[in-house]
Amino acid sequence: LQASLLAMQRAIAALSITPDEVWVDGNHCPDITLPVWAIV
């Protein structure tokens, strides 16, 4: 689980544009500074 969240953090950091919101599949959110929601 923690490794999955770490990979998500890295994928978001790799974006060339900073999003306004982050929507994540499932019920856990990576630890990021952007507004983030988990969507099962």
PDB file of all heavy atoms in Angstrom:
ATOM      1  N   LEU A   1       0.831  -1.208   0.000  1.00  0.00           N
ATOM      2  CA  LEU A   1       0.000   0.000   0.000  1.00  0.00           C
ATOM      3  C   LEU A   1       0.861   1.252   0.000  1.00  0.00           C
ATOM      4  O   LEU A   1       0.666   2.157  -0.820  1.00  0.00           O
ATOM      5  CB  LEU A   1      -0.950   0.008   1.200  1.00  0.00           C
ATOM      6  CG  LEU A   1      -1.721   1.325   1.402  1.00  0.00           C
ATOM      7  CD1 LEU A   1      -2.580   1.647   0.185  1.00  0.00           C
ATOM      8  CD2 LEU A   1      -2.560   1.266   2.671  1.00  0.00           C
ATOM      9  N   GLN A   2       1.833   1.324   0.908  1.00  0.00           N
ATOM     10  CA  GLN A   2       2.682   2.515   0.987  1.00  0.00           C
ATOM     11  C   GLN A   2       3.513   2.685  -0.289  1.00  0.00           C
ATOM     12  O   GLN A   2       3.736   3.816  -0.741  1.00  0.00           O
ATOM     13  CB  GLN A   2       3.590   2.440   2.226  1.00  0.00           C
ATOM     14  CG  GLN A   2       2.833   2.489   3.540  1.00  0.00           C
ATOM     15  CD  GLN A   2       1.901   3.691   3.635  1.00  0.00           C
ATOM     16  OE1 GLN A   2       2.261   4.806   3.267  1.00  0.00           O
ATOM     17  NE2 GLN A   2       0.695   3.454   4.132  1.00  0.00           N
ATOM     18  N   ALA A   3       3.953   1.578  -0.866  1.00  0.00           N
ATOM     19  CA  ALA A   3       4.711   1.657  -2.118  1.00  0.00           C
ATOM     20  C   ALA A   3       3.819   2.164  -3.253  1.00  0.00           C
ATOM     21  O   ALA A   3       4.261   2.958  -4.095  1.00  0.00           O
ATOM     22  CB  ALA A   3       5.300   0.298  -2.468  1.00  0.00           C
ATOM     23  N   SER A   4       2.553   1.740  -3.276  1.00  0.00           N
ATOM     24  CA  SER A   4       1.614   2.218  -4.294  1.00  0.00           C
ATOM     25  C   SER A   4       1.413   3.722  -4.169  1.00  0.00           C
ATOM     26  O   SER A   4       1.406   4.453  -5.171  1.00  0.00           O
ATOM     27  CB  SER A   4       0.260   1.510  -4.161  1.00  0.00           C
ATOM     28  OG  SER A   4       0.388   0.131  -4.358  1.00  0.00           O
ATOM     29  N   LEU A   5       1.254   4.202  -2.939  1.00  0.00           N
ATOM     30  CA  LEU A   5       1.066   5.638  -2.710  1.00  0.00           C
ATOM     31  C   LEU A   5       2.317   6.421  -3.095  1.00  0.00           C
ATOM     32  O   LEU A   5       2.232   7.531  -3.630  1.00  0.00           O
ATOM     33  CB  LEU A   5       0.684   5.889  -1.248  1.00  0.00           C
ATOM     34  CG  LEU A   5      -0.668   5.296  -0.817  1.00  0.00           C
ATOM     35  CD1 LEU A   5      -0.862   5.461   0.687  1.00  0.00           C
ATOM     36  CD2 LEU A   5      -1.818   5.937  -1.579  1.00  0.00           C
ATOM     37  N   LEU A   6       3.491   5.831  -2.853  1.00  0.00           N
ATOM     38  CA  LEU A   6       4.752   6.456  -3.249  1.00  0.00           C
ATOM     39  C   LEU A   6       4.843   6.574  -4.773  1.00  0.00           C
ATOM     40  O   LEU A   6       5.239   7.619  -5.313  1.00  0.00           O
ATOM     41  CB  LEU A   6       5.918   5.639  -2.699  1.00  0.00           C
ATOM     42  CG  LEU A   6       7.330   6.129  -2.973  1.00  0.00           C
ATOM     43  CD1 LEU A   6       7.552   7.521  -2.392  1.00  0.00           C
ATOM     44  CD2 LEU A   6       8.351   5.140  -2.389  1.00  0.00           C
ATOM     45  N   ALA A   7       4.447   5.508  -5.484  1.00  0.00           N
ATOM     46  CA  ALA A   7       4.445   5.557  -6.949  1.00  0.00           C
ATOM     47  C   ALA A   7       3.477   6.627  -7.446  1.00  0.00           C
ATOM     48  O   ALA A   7       3.778   7.347  -8.411  1.00  0.00           O
ATOM     49  CB  ALA A   7       4.064   4.187  -7.515  1.00  0.00           C
ATOM     50  N   MET A   8       2.335   6.765  -6.775  1.00  0.00           N
ATOM     51  CA  MET A   8       1.372   7.814  -7.160  1.00  0.00           C
ATOM     52  C   MET A   8       1.968   9.201  -6.965  1.00  0.00           C
ATOM     53  O   MET A   8       1.836  10.075  -7.835  1.00  0.00           O
ATOM     54  CB  MET A   8       0.089   7.668  -6.330  1.00  0.00           C
ATOM     55  CG  MET A   8      -0.749   6.471  -6.683  1.00  0.00           C
ATOM     56  SD  MET A   8      -2.215   6.403  -5.605  1.00  0.00           S
ATOM     57  CE  MET A   8      -2.987   4.896  -6.204  1.00  0.00           C
ATOM     58  N   GLN A   9       2.621   9.425  -5.822  1.00  0.00           N
ATOM     59  CA  GLN A   9       3.293  10.709  -5.582  1.00  0.00           C
ATOM     60  C   GLN A   9       4.254  11.031  -6.722  1.00  0.00           C
ATOM     61  O   GLN A   9       4.301  12.158  -7.228  1.00  0.00           O
ATOM     62  CB  GLN A   9       4.109  10.655  -4.289  1.00  0.00           C
ATOM     63  CG  GLN A   9       3.333  10.810  -3.012  1.00  0.00           C
ATOM     64  CD  GLN A   9       4.273  10.738  -1.801  1.00  0.00           C
ATOM     65  OE1 GLN A   9       5.455  10.416  -1.925  1.00  0.00           O
ATOM     66  NE2 GLN A   9       3.738  11.027  -0.636  1.00  0.00           N
ATOM     67  N   ARG A  10       5.038  10.038  -7.115  1.00  0.00           N
ATOM     68  CA  ARG A  10       6.048  10.243  -8.160  1.00  0.00           C
ATOM     69  C   ARG A  10       5.393  10.530  -9.514  1.00  0.00           C
ATOM     70  O   ARG A  10       5.898  11.353 -10.292  1.00  0.00           O
ATOM     71  CB  ARG A  10       6.947   9.004  -8.245  1.00  0.00           C
ATOM     72  CG  ARG A  10       7.848   8.850  -7.042  1.00  0.00           C
ATOM     73  CD  ARG A  10       8.531   7.498  -7.010  1.00  0.00           C
ATOM     74  NE  ARG A  10       9.484   7.426  -5.912  1.00  0.00           N
ATOM     75  CZ  ARG A  10      10.013   6.292  -5.452  1.00  0.00           C
ATOM     76  NH1 ARG A  10       9.683   5.134  -6.011  1.00  0.00           N
ATOM     77  NH2 ARG A  10      10.872   6.315  -4.446  1.00  0.00           N
ATOM     78  N   ALA A  11       4.279   9.840  -9.813  1.00  0.00           N
ATOM     79  CA  ALA A  11       3.588  10.070 -11.083  1.00  0.00           C
ATOM     80  C   ALA A  11       3.028  11.488 -11.147  1.00  0.00           C
ATOM     81  O   ALA A  11       3.124  12.167 -12.175  1.00  0.00           O
ATOM     82  CB  ALA A  11       2.478   9.040 -11.276  1.00  0.00           C
ATOM     83  N   ILE A  12       2.447  11.951 -10.038  1.00  0.00           N
ATOM     84  CA  ILE A  12       1.906  13.312  -9.982  1.00  0.00           C
ATOM     85  C   ILE A  12       3.045  14.328 -10.129  1.00  0.00           C
ATOM     86  O   ILE A  12       2.932  15.320 -10.851  1.00  0.00           O
ATOM     87  CB  ILE A  12       1.132  13.530  -8.668  1.00  0.00           C
ATOM     88  CG1 ILE A  12      -0.092  12.607  -8.616  1.00  0.00           C
ATOM     89  CG2 ILE A  12       0.704  14.991  -8.511  1.00  0.00           C
ATOM     90  CD1 ILE A  12      -0.682  12.428  -7.221  1.00  0.00           C
ATOM     91  N   ALA A  13       4.162  14.064  -9.466  1.00  0.00           N
ATOM     92  CA  ALA A  13       5.320  14.967  -9.551  1.00  0.00           C
ATOM     93  C   ALA A  13       5.893  15.019 -10.964  1.00  0.00           C
ATOM     94  O   ALA A  13       6.526  16.011 -11.344  1.00  0.00           O
ATOM     95  CB  ALA A  13       6.394  14.519  -8.562  1.00  0.00           C
ATOM     96  N   ALA A  14       5.677  13.972 -11.758  1.00  0.00           N
ATOM     97  CA  ALA A  14       6.220  13.913 -13.119  1.00  0.00           C
ATOM     98  C   ALA A  14       5.386  14.700 -14.129  1.00  0.00           C
ATOM     99  O   ALA A  14       5.799  14.861 -15.277  1.00  0.00           O
ATOM    100  CB  ALA A  14       6.331  12.454 -13.565  1.00  0.00           C
ATOM    101  N   LEU A  15       4.210  15.180 -13.720  1.00  0.00           N
ATOM    102  CA  LEU A  15       3.354  15.939 -14.636  1.00  0.00           C
ATOM    103  C   LEU A  15       4.033  17.245 -15.056  1.00  0.00           C
ATOM    104  O   LEU A  15       4.664  17.916 -14.233  1.00  0.00           O
ATOM    105  CB  LEU A  15       2.013  16.260 -13.971  1.00  0.00           C
ATOM    106  CG  LEU A  15       1.073  15.096 -13.689  1.00  0.00           C
ATOM    107  CD1 LEU A  15      -0.053  15.549 -12.761  1.00  0.00           C
ATOM    108  CD2 LEU A  15       0.509  14.533 -14.992  1.00  0.00           C
ATOM    109  N   SER A  16       3.843  17.623 -16.307  1.00  0.00           N
ATOM    110  CA  SER A  16       4.406  18.886 -16.793  1.00  0.00           C
ATOM    111  C   SER A  16       3.529  20.082 -16.421  1.00  0.00           C
ATOM    112  O   SER A  16       3.952  21.236 -16.564  1.00  0.00           O
ATOM    113  CB  SER A  16       4.578  18.823 -18.314  1.00  0.00           C
ATOM    114  OG  SER A  16       3.324  18.565 -18.942  1.00  0.00           O
ATOM    115  N   ILE A  17       2.313  19.825 -15.976  1.00  0.00           N
ATOM    116  CA  ILE A  17       1.369  20.854 -15.547  1.00  0.00           C
ATOM    117  C   ILE A  17       0.915  20.515 -14.132  1.00  0.00           C
ATOM    118  O   ILE A  17       0.674  19.349 -13.823  1.00  0.00           O
ATOM    119  CB  ILE A  17       0.127  20.880 -16.470  1.00  0.00           C
ATOM    120  CG1 ILE A  17       0.524  21.242 -17.907  1.00  0.00           C
ATOM    121  CG2 ILE A  17      -0.935  21.858 -15.950  1.00  0.00           C
ATOM    122  CD1 ILE A  17      -0.608  21.066 -18.896  1.00  0.00           C
ATOM    123  N   THR A  18       0.771  21.508 -13.273  1.00  0.00           N
ATOM    124  CA  THR A  18       0.271  21.258 -11.924  1.00  0.00           C
ATOM    125  C   THR A  18      -1.254  21.267 -11.940  1.00  0.00           C
ATOM    126  O   THR A  18      -1.862  22.266 -12.360  1.00  0.00           O
ATOM    127  CB  THR A  18       0.771  22.331 -10.936  1.00  0.00           C
ATOM    128  OG1 THR A  18       2.196  22.322 -10.951  1.00  0.00           O
ATOM    129  CG2 THR A  18       0.271  22.052  -9.530  1.00  0.00           C
ATOM    130  N   PRO A  19      -1.892  20.183 -11.512  1.00  0.00           N
ATOM    131  CA  PRO A  19      -3.356  20.149 -11.517  1.00  0.00           C
ATOM    132  C   PRO A  19      -3.942  20.971 -10.369  1.00  0.00           C
ATOM    133  O   PRO A  19      -3.242  21.303  -9.409  1.00  0.00           O
ATOM    134  CB  PRO A  19      -3.665  18.657 -11.342  1.00  0.00           C
ATOM    135  CG  PRO A  19      -2.489  18.120 -10.589  1.00  0.00           C
ATOM    136  CD  PRO A  19      -1.306  18.924 -11.039  1.00  0.00           C
ATOM    137  N   ASP A  20      -5.239  21.279 -10.495  1.00  0.00           N
ATOM    138  CA  ASP A  20      -5.944  21.962  -9.410  1.00  0.00           C
ATOM    139  C   ASP A  20      -6.439  20.960  -8.363  1.00  0.00           C
ATOM    140  O   ASP A  20      -6.510  21.272  -7.176  1.00  0.00           O
ATOM    141  CB  ASP A  20      -7.140  22.741  -9.968  1.00  0.00           C
ATOM    142  CG  ASP A  20      -6.701  23.812 -10.951  1.00  0.00           C
ATOM    143  OD1 ASP A  20      -5.811  24.601 -10.583  1.00  0.00           O
ATOM    144  OD2 ASP A  20      -7.222  23.841 -12.083  1.00  0.00           O
ATOM    145  N   GLU A  21      -6.808  19.776  -8.833  1.00  0.00           N
ATOM    146  CA  GLU A  21      -7.329  18.728  -7.956  1.00  0.00           C
ATOM    147  C   GLU A  21      -6.778  17.390  -8.419  1.00  0.00           C
ATOM    148  O   GLU A  21      -6.501  17.208  -9.613  1.00  0.00           O
ATOM    149  CB  GLU A  21      -8.861  18.659  -8.000  1.00  0.00           C
ATOM    150  CG  GLU A  21      -9.558  19.921  -7.554  1.00  0.00           C
ATOM    151  CD  GLU A  21     -11.075  19.804  -7.672  1.00  0.00           C
ATOM    152  OE1 GLU A  21     -11.575  18.721  -8.068  1.00  0.00           O
ATOM    153  OE2 GLU A  21     -11.754  20.794  -7.363  1.00  0.00           O
ATOM    154  N   VAL A  22      -6.670  16.462  -7.492  1.00  0.00           N
ATOM    155  CA  VAL A  22      -6.221  15.101  -7.807  1.00  0.00           C
ATOM    156  C   VAL A  22      -7.296  14.126  -7.334  1.00  0.00           C
ATOM    157  O   VAL A  22      -7.716  14.172  -6.181  1.00  0.00           O
ATOM    158  CB  VAL A  22      -4.865  14.792  -7.125  1.00  0.00           C
ATOM    159  CG1 VAL A  22      -4.465  13.334  -7.361  1.00  0.00           C
ATOM    160  CG2 VAL A  22      -3.782  15.735  -7.632  1.00  0.00           C
ATOM    161  N   TRP A  23      -7.723  13.262  -8.254  1.00  0.00           N
ATOM    162  CA  TRP A  23      -8.724  12.235  -7.954  1.00  0.00           C
ATOM    163  C   TRP A  23      -8.035  10.879  -8.088  1.00  0.00           C
ATOM    164  O   TRP A  23      -7.497  10.549  -9.135  1.00  0.00           O
ATOM    165  CB  TRP A  23      -9.902  12.314  -8.908  1.00  0.00           C
ATOM    166  CG  TRP A  23     -10.680  13.594  -8.824  1.00  0.00           C
ATOM    167  CD1 TRP A  23     -10.519  14.618  -7.920  1.00  0.00           C
ATOM    168  CD2 TRP A  23     -11.749  13.990  -9.697  1.00  0.00           C
ATOM    169  NE1 TRP A  23     -11.418  15.619  -8.169  1.00  0.00           N
ATOM    170  CE2 TRP A  23     -12.197  15.273  -9.257  1.00  0.00           C
ATOM    171  CE3 TRP A  23     -12.375  13.403 -10.789  1.00  0.00           C
ATOM    172  CZ2 TRP A  23     -13.230  15.953  -9.878  1.00  0.00           C
ATOM    173  CZ3 TRP A  23     -13.408  14.086 -11.418  1.00  0.00           C
ATOM    174  CH2 TRP A  23     -13.828  15.338 -10.964  1.00  0.00           C
ATOM    175  N   VAL A  24      -8.080  10.101  -7.016  1.00  0.00           N
ATOM    176  CA  VAL A  24      -7.351   8.832  -6.947  1.00  0.00           C
ATOM    177  C   VAL A  24      -8.340   7.679  -6.888  1.00  0.00           C
ATOM    178  O   VAL A  24      -9.313   7.727  -6.119  1.00  0.00           O
ATOM    179  CB  VAL A  24      -6.436   8.801  -5.702  1.00  0.00           C
ATOM    180  CG1 VAL A  24      -5.680   7.483  -5.621  1.00  0.00           C
ATOM    181  CG2 VAL A  24      -5.461   9.969  -5.724  1.00  0.00           C
ATOM    182  N   ASP A  25      -8.086   6.646  -7.668  1.00  0.00           N
ATOM    183  CA  ASP A  25      -8.917   5.451  -7.572  1.00  0.00           C
ATOM    184  C   ASP A  25      -8.664   4.745  -6.243  1.00  0.00           C
ATOM    185  O   ASP A  25      -7.518   4.603  -5.812  1.00  0.00           O
ATOM    186  CB  ASP A  25      -8.593   4.486  -8.718  1.00  0.00           C
ATOM    187  CG  ASP A  25      -9.466   3.239  -8.672  1.00  0.00           C
ATOM    188  OD1 ASP A  25     -10.689   3.378  -8.657  1.00  0.00           O
ATOM    189  OD2 ASP A  25      -8.905   2.131  -8.623  1.00  0.00           O
ATOM    190  N   GLY A  26      -9.735   4.292  -5.586  1.00  0.00           N
ATOM    191  CA  GLY A  26      -9.586   3.523  -4.354  1.00  0.00           C
ATOM    192  C   GLY A  26     -10.006   4.308  -3.139  1.00  0.00           C
ATOM    193  O   GLY A  26     -10.806   5.245  -3.218  1.00  0.00           O
ATOM    194  N   ASN A  27      -9.457   3.939  -1.984  1.00  0.00           N
ATOM    195  CA  ASN A  27      -9.853   4.597  -0.731  1.00  0.00           C
ATOM    196  C   ASN A  27      -8.668   5.133   0.063  1.00  0.00           C
ATOM    197  O   ASN A  27      -8.794   5.423   1.243  1.00  0.00           O
ATOM    198  CB  ASN A  27     -10.707   3.658   0.130  1.00  0.00           C
ATOM    199  CG  ASN A  27     -10.034   2.318   0.351  1.00  0.00           C
ATOM    200  OD1 ASN A  27      -8.859   2.152   0.033  1.00  0.00           O
ATOM    201  ND2 ASN A  27     -10.766   1.363   0.878  1.00  0.00           N
ATOM    202  N   HIS A  28      -7.512   5.277  -0.587  1.00  0.00           N
ATOM    203  CA  HIS A  28      -6.340   5.874   0.059  1.00  0.00           C
ATOM    204  C   HIS A  28      -5.774   6.967  -0.834  1.00  0.00           C
ATOM    205  O   HIS A  28      -5.751   6.817  -2.054  1.00  0.00           O
ATOM    206  CB  HIS A  28      -5.251   4.825   0.315  1.00  0.00           C
ATOM    207  CG  HIS A  28      -5.645   3.791   1.321  1.00  0.00           C
ATOM    208  ND1 HIS A  28      -6.259   2.611   0.958  1.00  0.00           N
ATOM    209  CD2 HIS A  28      -5.544   3.775   2.667  1.00  0.00           C
ATOM    210  CE1 HIS A  28      -6.496   1.899   2.055  1.00  0.00           C
ATOM    211  NE2 HIS A  28      -6.081   2.582   3.094  1.00  0.00           N
ATOM    212  N   CYS A  29      -5.314   8.030  -0.229  1.00  0.00           N
ATOM    213  CA  CYS A  29      -4.733   9.151  -0.971  1.00  0.00           C
ATOM    214  C   CYS A  29      -3.237   9.255  -0.696  1.00  0.00           C
ATOM    215  O   CYS A  29      -2.805   9.104   0.448  1.00  0.00           O
ATOM    216  CB  CYS A  29      -5.383  10.469  -0.552  1.00  0.00           C
ATOM    217  SG  CYS A  29      -7.113  10.601  -1.010  1.00  0.00           S
ATOM    218  N   PRO A  30      -2.457   9.571  -1.729  1.00  0.00           N
ATOM    219  CA  PRO A  30      -1.034   9.847  -1.491  1.00  0.00           C
ATOM    220  C   PRO A  30      -0.876  11.145  -0.716  1.00  0.00           C
ATOM    221  O   PRO A  30      -1.756  12.017  -0.741  1.00  0.00           O
ATOM    222  CB  PRO A  30      -0.456   9.956  -2.903  1.00  0.00           C
ATOM    223  CG  PRO A  30      -1.616  10.359  -3.760  1.00  0.00           C
ATOM    224  CD  PRO A  30      -2.829   9.728  -3.142  1.00  0.00           C
ATOM    225  N   ASP A  31       0.241  11.284  -0.043  1.00  0.00           N
ATOM    226  CA  ASP A  31       0.533  12.470   0.756  1.00  0.00           C
ATOM    227  C   ASP A  31       1.110  13.543  -0.165  1.00  0.00           C
ATOM    228  O   ASP A  31       2.299  13.530  -0.479  1.00  0.00           O
ATOM    229  CB  ASP A  31       1.518  12.107   1.877  1.00  0.00           C
ATOM    230  CG  ASP A  31       1.787  13.282   2.800  1.00  0.00           C
ATOM    231  OD1 ASP A  31       1.046  14.279   2.736  1.00  0.00           O
ATOM    232  OD2 ASP A  31       2.761  13.209   3.576  1.00  0.00           O
ATOM    233  N   ILE A  32       0.237  14.443  -0.622  1.00  0.00           N
ATOM    234  CA  ILE A  32       0.666  15.511  -1.523  1.00  0.00           C
ATOM    235  C   ILE A  32       0.085  16.832  -1.017  1.00  0.00           C
ATOM    236  O   ILE A  32      -0.820  16.847  -0.174  1.00  0.00           O
ATOM    237  CB  ILE A  32       0.216  15.249  -2.978  1.00  0.00           C
ATOM    238  CG1 ILE A  32      -1.311  15.055  -3.047  1.00  0.00           C
ATOM    239  CG2 ILE A  32       0.942  14.047  -3.561  1.00  0.00           C
ATOM    240  CD1 ILE A  32      -1.858  14.917  -4.455  1.00  0.00           C
ATOM    241  N   THR A  33       0.588  17.946  -1.544  1.00  0.00           N
ATOM    242  CA  THR A  33       0.139  19.263  -1.077  1.00  0.00           C
ATOM    243  C   THR A  33      -1.103  19.739  -1.823  1.00  0.00           C
ATOM    244  O   THR A  33      -1.729  20.721  -1.423  1.00  0.00           O
ATOM    245  CB  THR A  33       1.254  20.307  -1.265  1.00  0.00           C
ATOM    246  OG1 THR A  33       1.649  20.311  -2.639  1.00  0.00           O
ATOM    247  CG2 THR A  33       2.458  19.961  -0.396  1.00  0.00           C
ATOM    248  N   LEU A  34      -1.482  19.069  -2.901  1.00  0.00           N
ATOM    249  CA  LEU A  34      -2.651  19.461  -3.690  1.00  0.00           C
ATOM    250  C   LEU A  34      -3.931  18.908  -3.072  1.00  0.00           C
ATOM    251  O   LEU A  34      -3.892  17.901  -2.354  1.00  0.00           O
ATOM    252  CB  LEU A  34      -2.512  18.915  -5.115  1.00  0.00           C
ATOM    253  CG  LEU A  34      -1.319  19.425  -5.918  1.00  0.00           C
ATOM    254  CD1 LEU A  34      -1.060  18.517  -7.103  1.00  0.00           C
ATOM    255  CD2 LEU A  34      -1.572  20.854  -6.377  1.00  0.00           C
ATOM    256  N   PRO A  35      -5.098  19.515  -3.352  1.00  0.00           N
ATOM    257  CA  PRO A  35      -6.371  18.924  -2.930  1.00  0.00           C
ATOM    258  C   PRO A  35      -6.535  17.542  -3.573  1.00  0.00           C
ATOM    259  O   PRO A  35      -6.378  17.408  -4.798  1.00  0.00           O
ATOM    260  CB  PRO A  35      -7.418  19.905  -3.453  1.00  0.00           C
ATOM    261  CG  PRO A  35      -6.685  21.181  -3.703  1.00  0.00           C
ATOM    262  CD  PRO A  35      -5.282  20.795  -4.061  1.00  0.00           C
ATOM    263  N   VAL A  36      -6.823  16.536  -2.775  1.00  0.00           N
ATOM    264  CA  VAL A  36      -6.882  15.165  -3.298  1.00  0.00           C
ATOM    265  C   VAL A  36      -8.070  14.427  -2.711  1.00  0.00           C
ATOM    266  O   VAL A  36      -8.390  14.587  -1.525  1.00  0.00           O
ATOM    267  CB  VAL A  36      -5.539  14.418  -3.008  1.00  0.00           C
ATOM    268  CG1 VAL A  36      -5.218  14.370  -1.522  1.00  0.00           C
ATOM    269  CG2 VAL A  36      -5.529  13.022  -3.612  1.00  0.00           C
ATOM    270  N   TRP A  37      -8.755  13.659  -3.558  1.00  0.00           N
ATOM    271  CA  TRP A  37      -9.902  12.866  -3.140  1.00  0.00           C
ATOM    272  C   TRP A  37      -9.718  11.424  -3.606  1.00  0.00           C
ATOM    273  O   TRP A  37      -9.218  11.180  -4.704  1.00  0.00           O
ATOM    274  CB  TRP A  37     -11.192  13.409  -3.755  1.00  0.00           C
ATOM    275  CG  TRP A  37     -11.683  14.653  -3.086  1.00  0.00           C
ATOM    276  CD1 TRP A  37     -12.531  14.746  -2.015  1.00  0.00           C
ATOM    277  CD2 TRP A  37     -11.341  15.996  -3.420  1.00  0.00           C
ATOM    278  NE1 TRP A  37     -12.732  16.065  -1.675  1.00  0.00           N
ATOM    279  CE2 TRP A  37     -12.009  16.864  -2.523  1.00  0.00           C
ATOM    280  CE3 TRP A  37     -10.519  16.569  -4.407  1.00  0.00           C
ATOM    281  CZ2 TRP A  37     -11.902  18.238  -2.571  1.00  0.00           C
ATOM    282  CZ3 TRP A  37     -10.403  17.945  -4.456  1.00  0.00           C
ATOM    283  CH2 TRP A  37     -11.085  18.767  -3.553  1.00  0.00           C
ATOM    284  N   ALA A  38     -10.124  10.501  -2.769  1.00  0.00           N
ATOM    285  CA  ALA A  38     -10.155   9.082  -3.139  1.00  0.00           C
ATOM    286  C   ALA A  38     -11.570   8.742  -3.604  1.00  0.00           C
ATOM    287  O   ALA A  38     -12.545   9.122  -2.964  1.00  0.00           O
ATOM    288  CB  ALA A  38      -9.766   8.226  -1.940  1.00  0.00           C
ATOM    289  N   ILE A  39     -11.669   8.035  -4.706  1.00  0.00           N
ATOM    290  CA  ILE A  39     -12.955   7.661  -5.281  1.00  0.00           C
ATOM    291  C   ILE A  39     -12.956   6.153  -5.492  1.00  0.00           C
ATOM    292  O   ILE A  39     -12.233   5.632  -6.354  1.00  0.00           O
ATOM    293  CB  ILE A  39     -13.207   8.385  -6.619  1.00  0.00           C
ATOM    294  CG1 ILE A  39     -13.139   9.912  -6.413  1.00  0.00           C
ATOM    295  CG2 ILE A  39     -14.541   7.967  -7.211  1.00  0.00           C
ATOM    296  CD1 ILE A  39     -13.246  10.710  -7.698  1.00  0.00           C
ATOM    297  N   VAL A  40     -13.733   5.447  -4.693  1.00  0.00           N
ATOM    298  CA  VAL A  40     -13.822   3.989  -4.831  1.00  0.00           C
ATOM    299  C   VAL A  40     -14.498   3.672  -6.165  1.00  0.00           C
ATOM    300  O   VAL A  40     -15.554   4.222  -6.490  1.00  0.00           O
ATOM    301  CB  VAL A  40     -14.606   3.378  -3.658  1.00  0.00           C
ATOM    302  CG1 VAL A  40     -14.814   1.883  -3.876  1.00  0.00           C
ATOM    303  CG2 VAL A  40     -13.854   3.627  -2.346  1.00  0.00           C
TER     304      VAL A  40
END
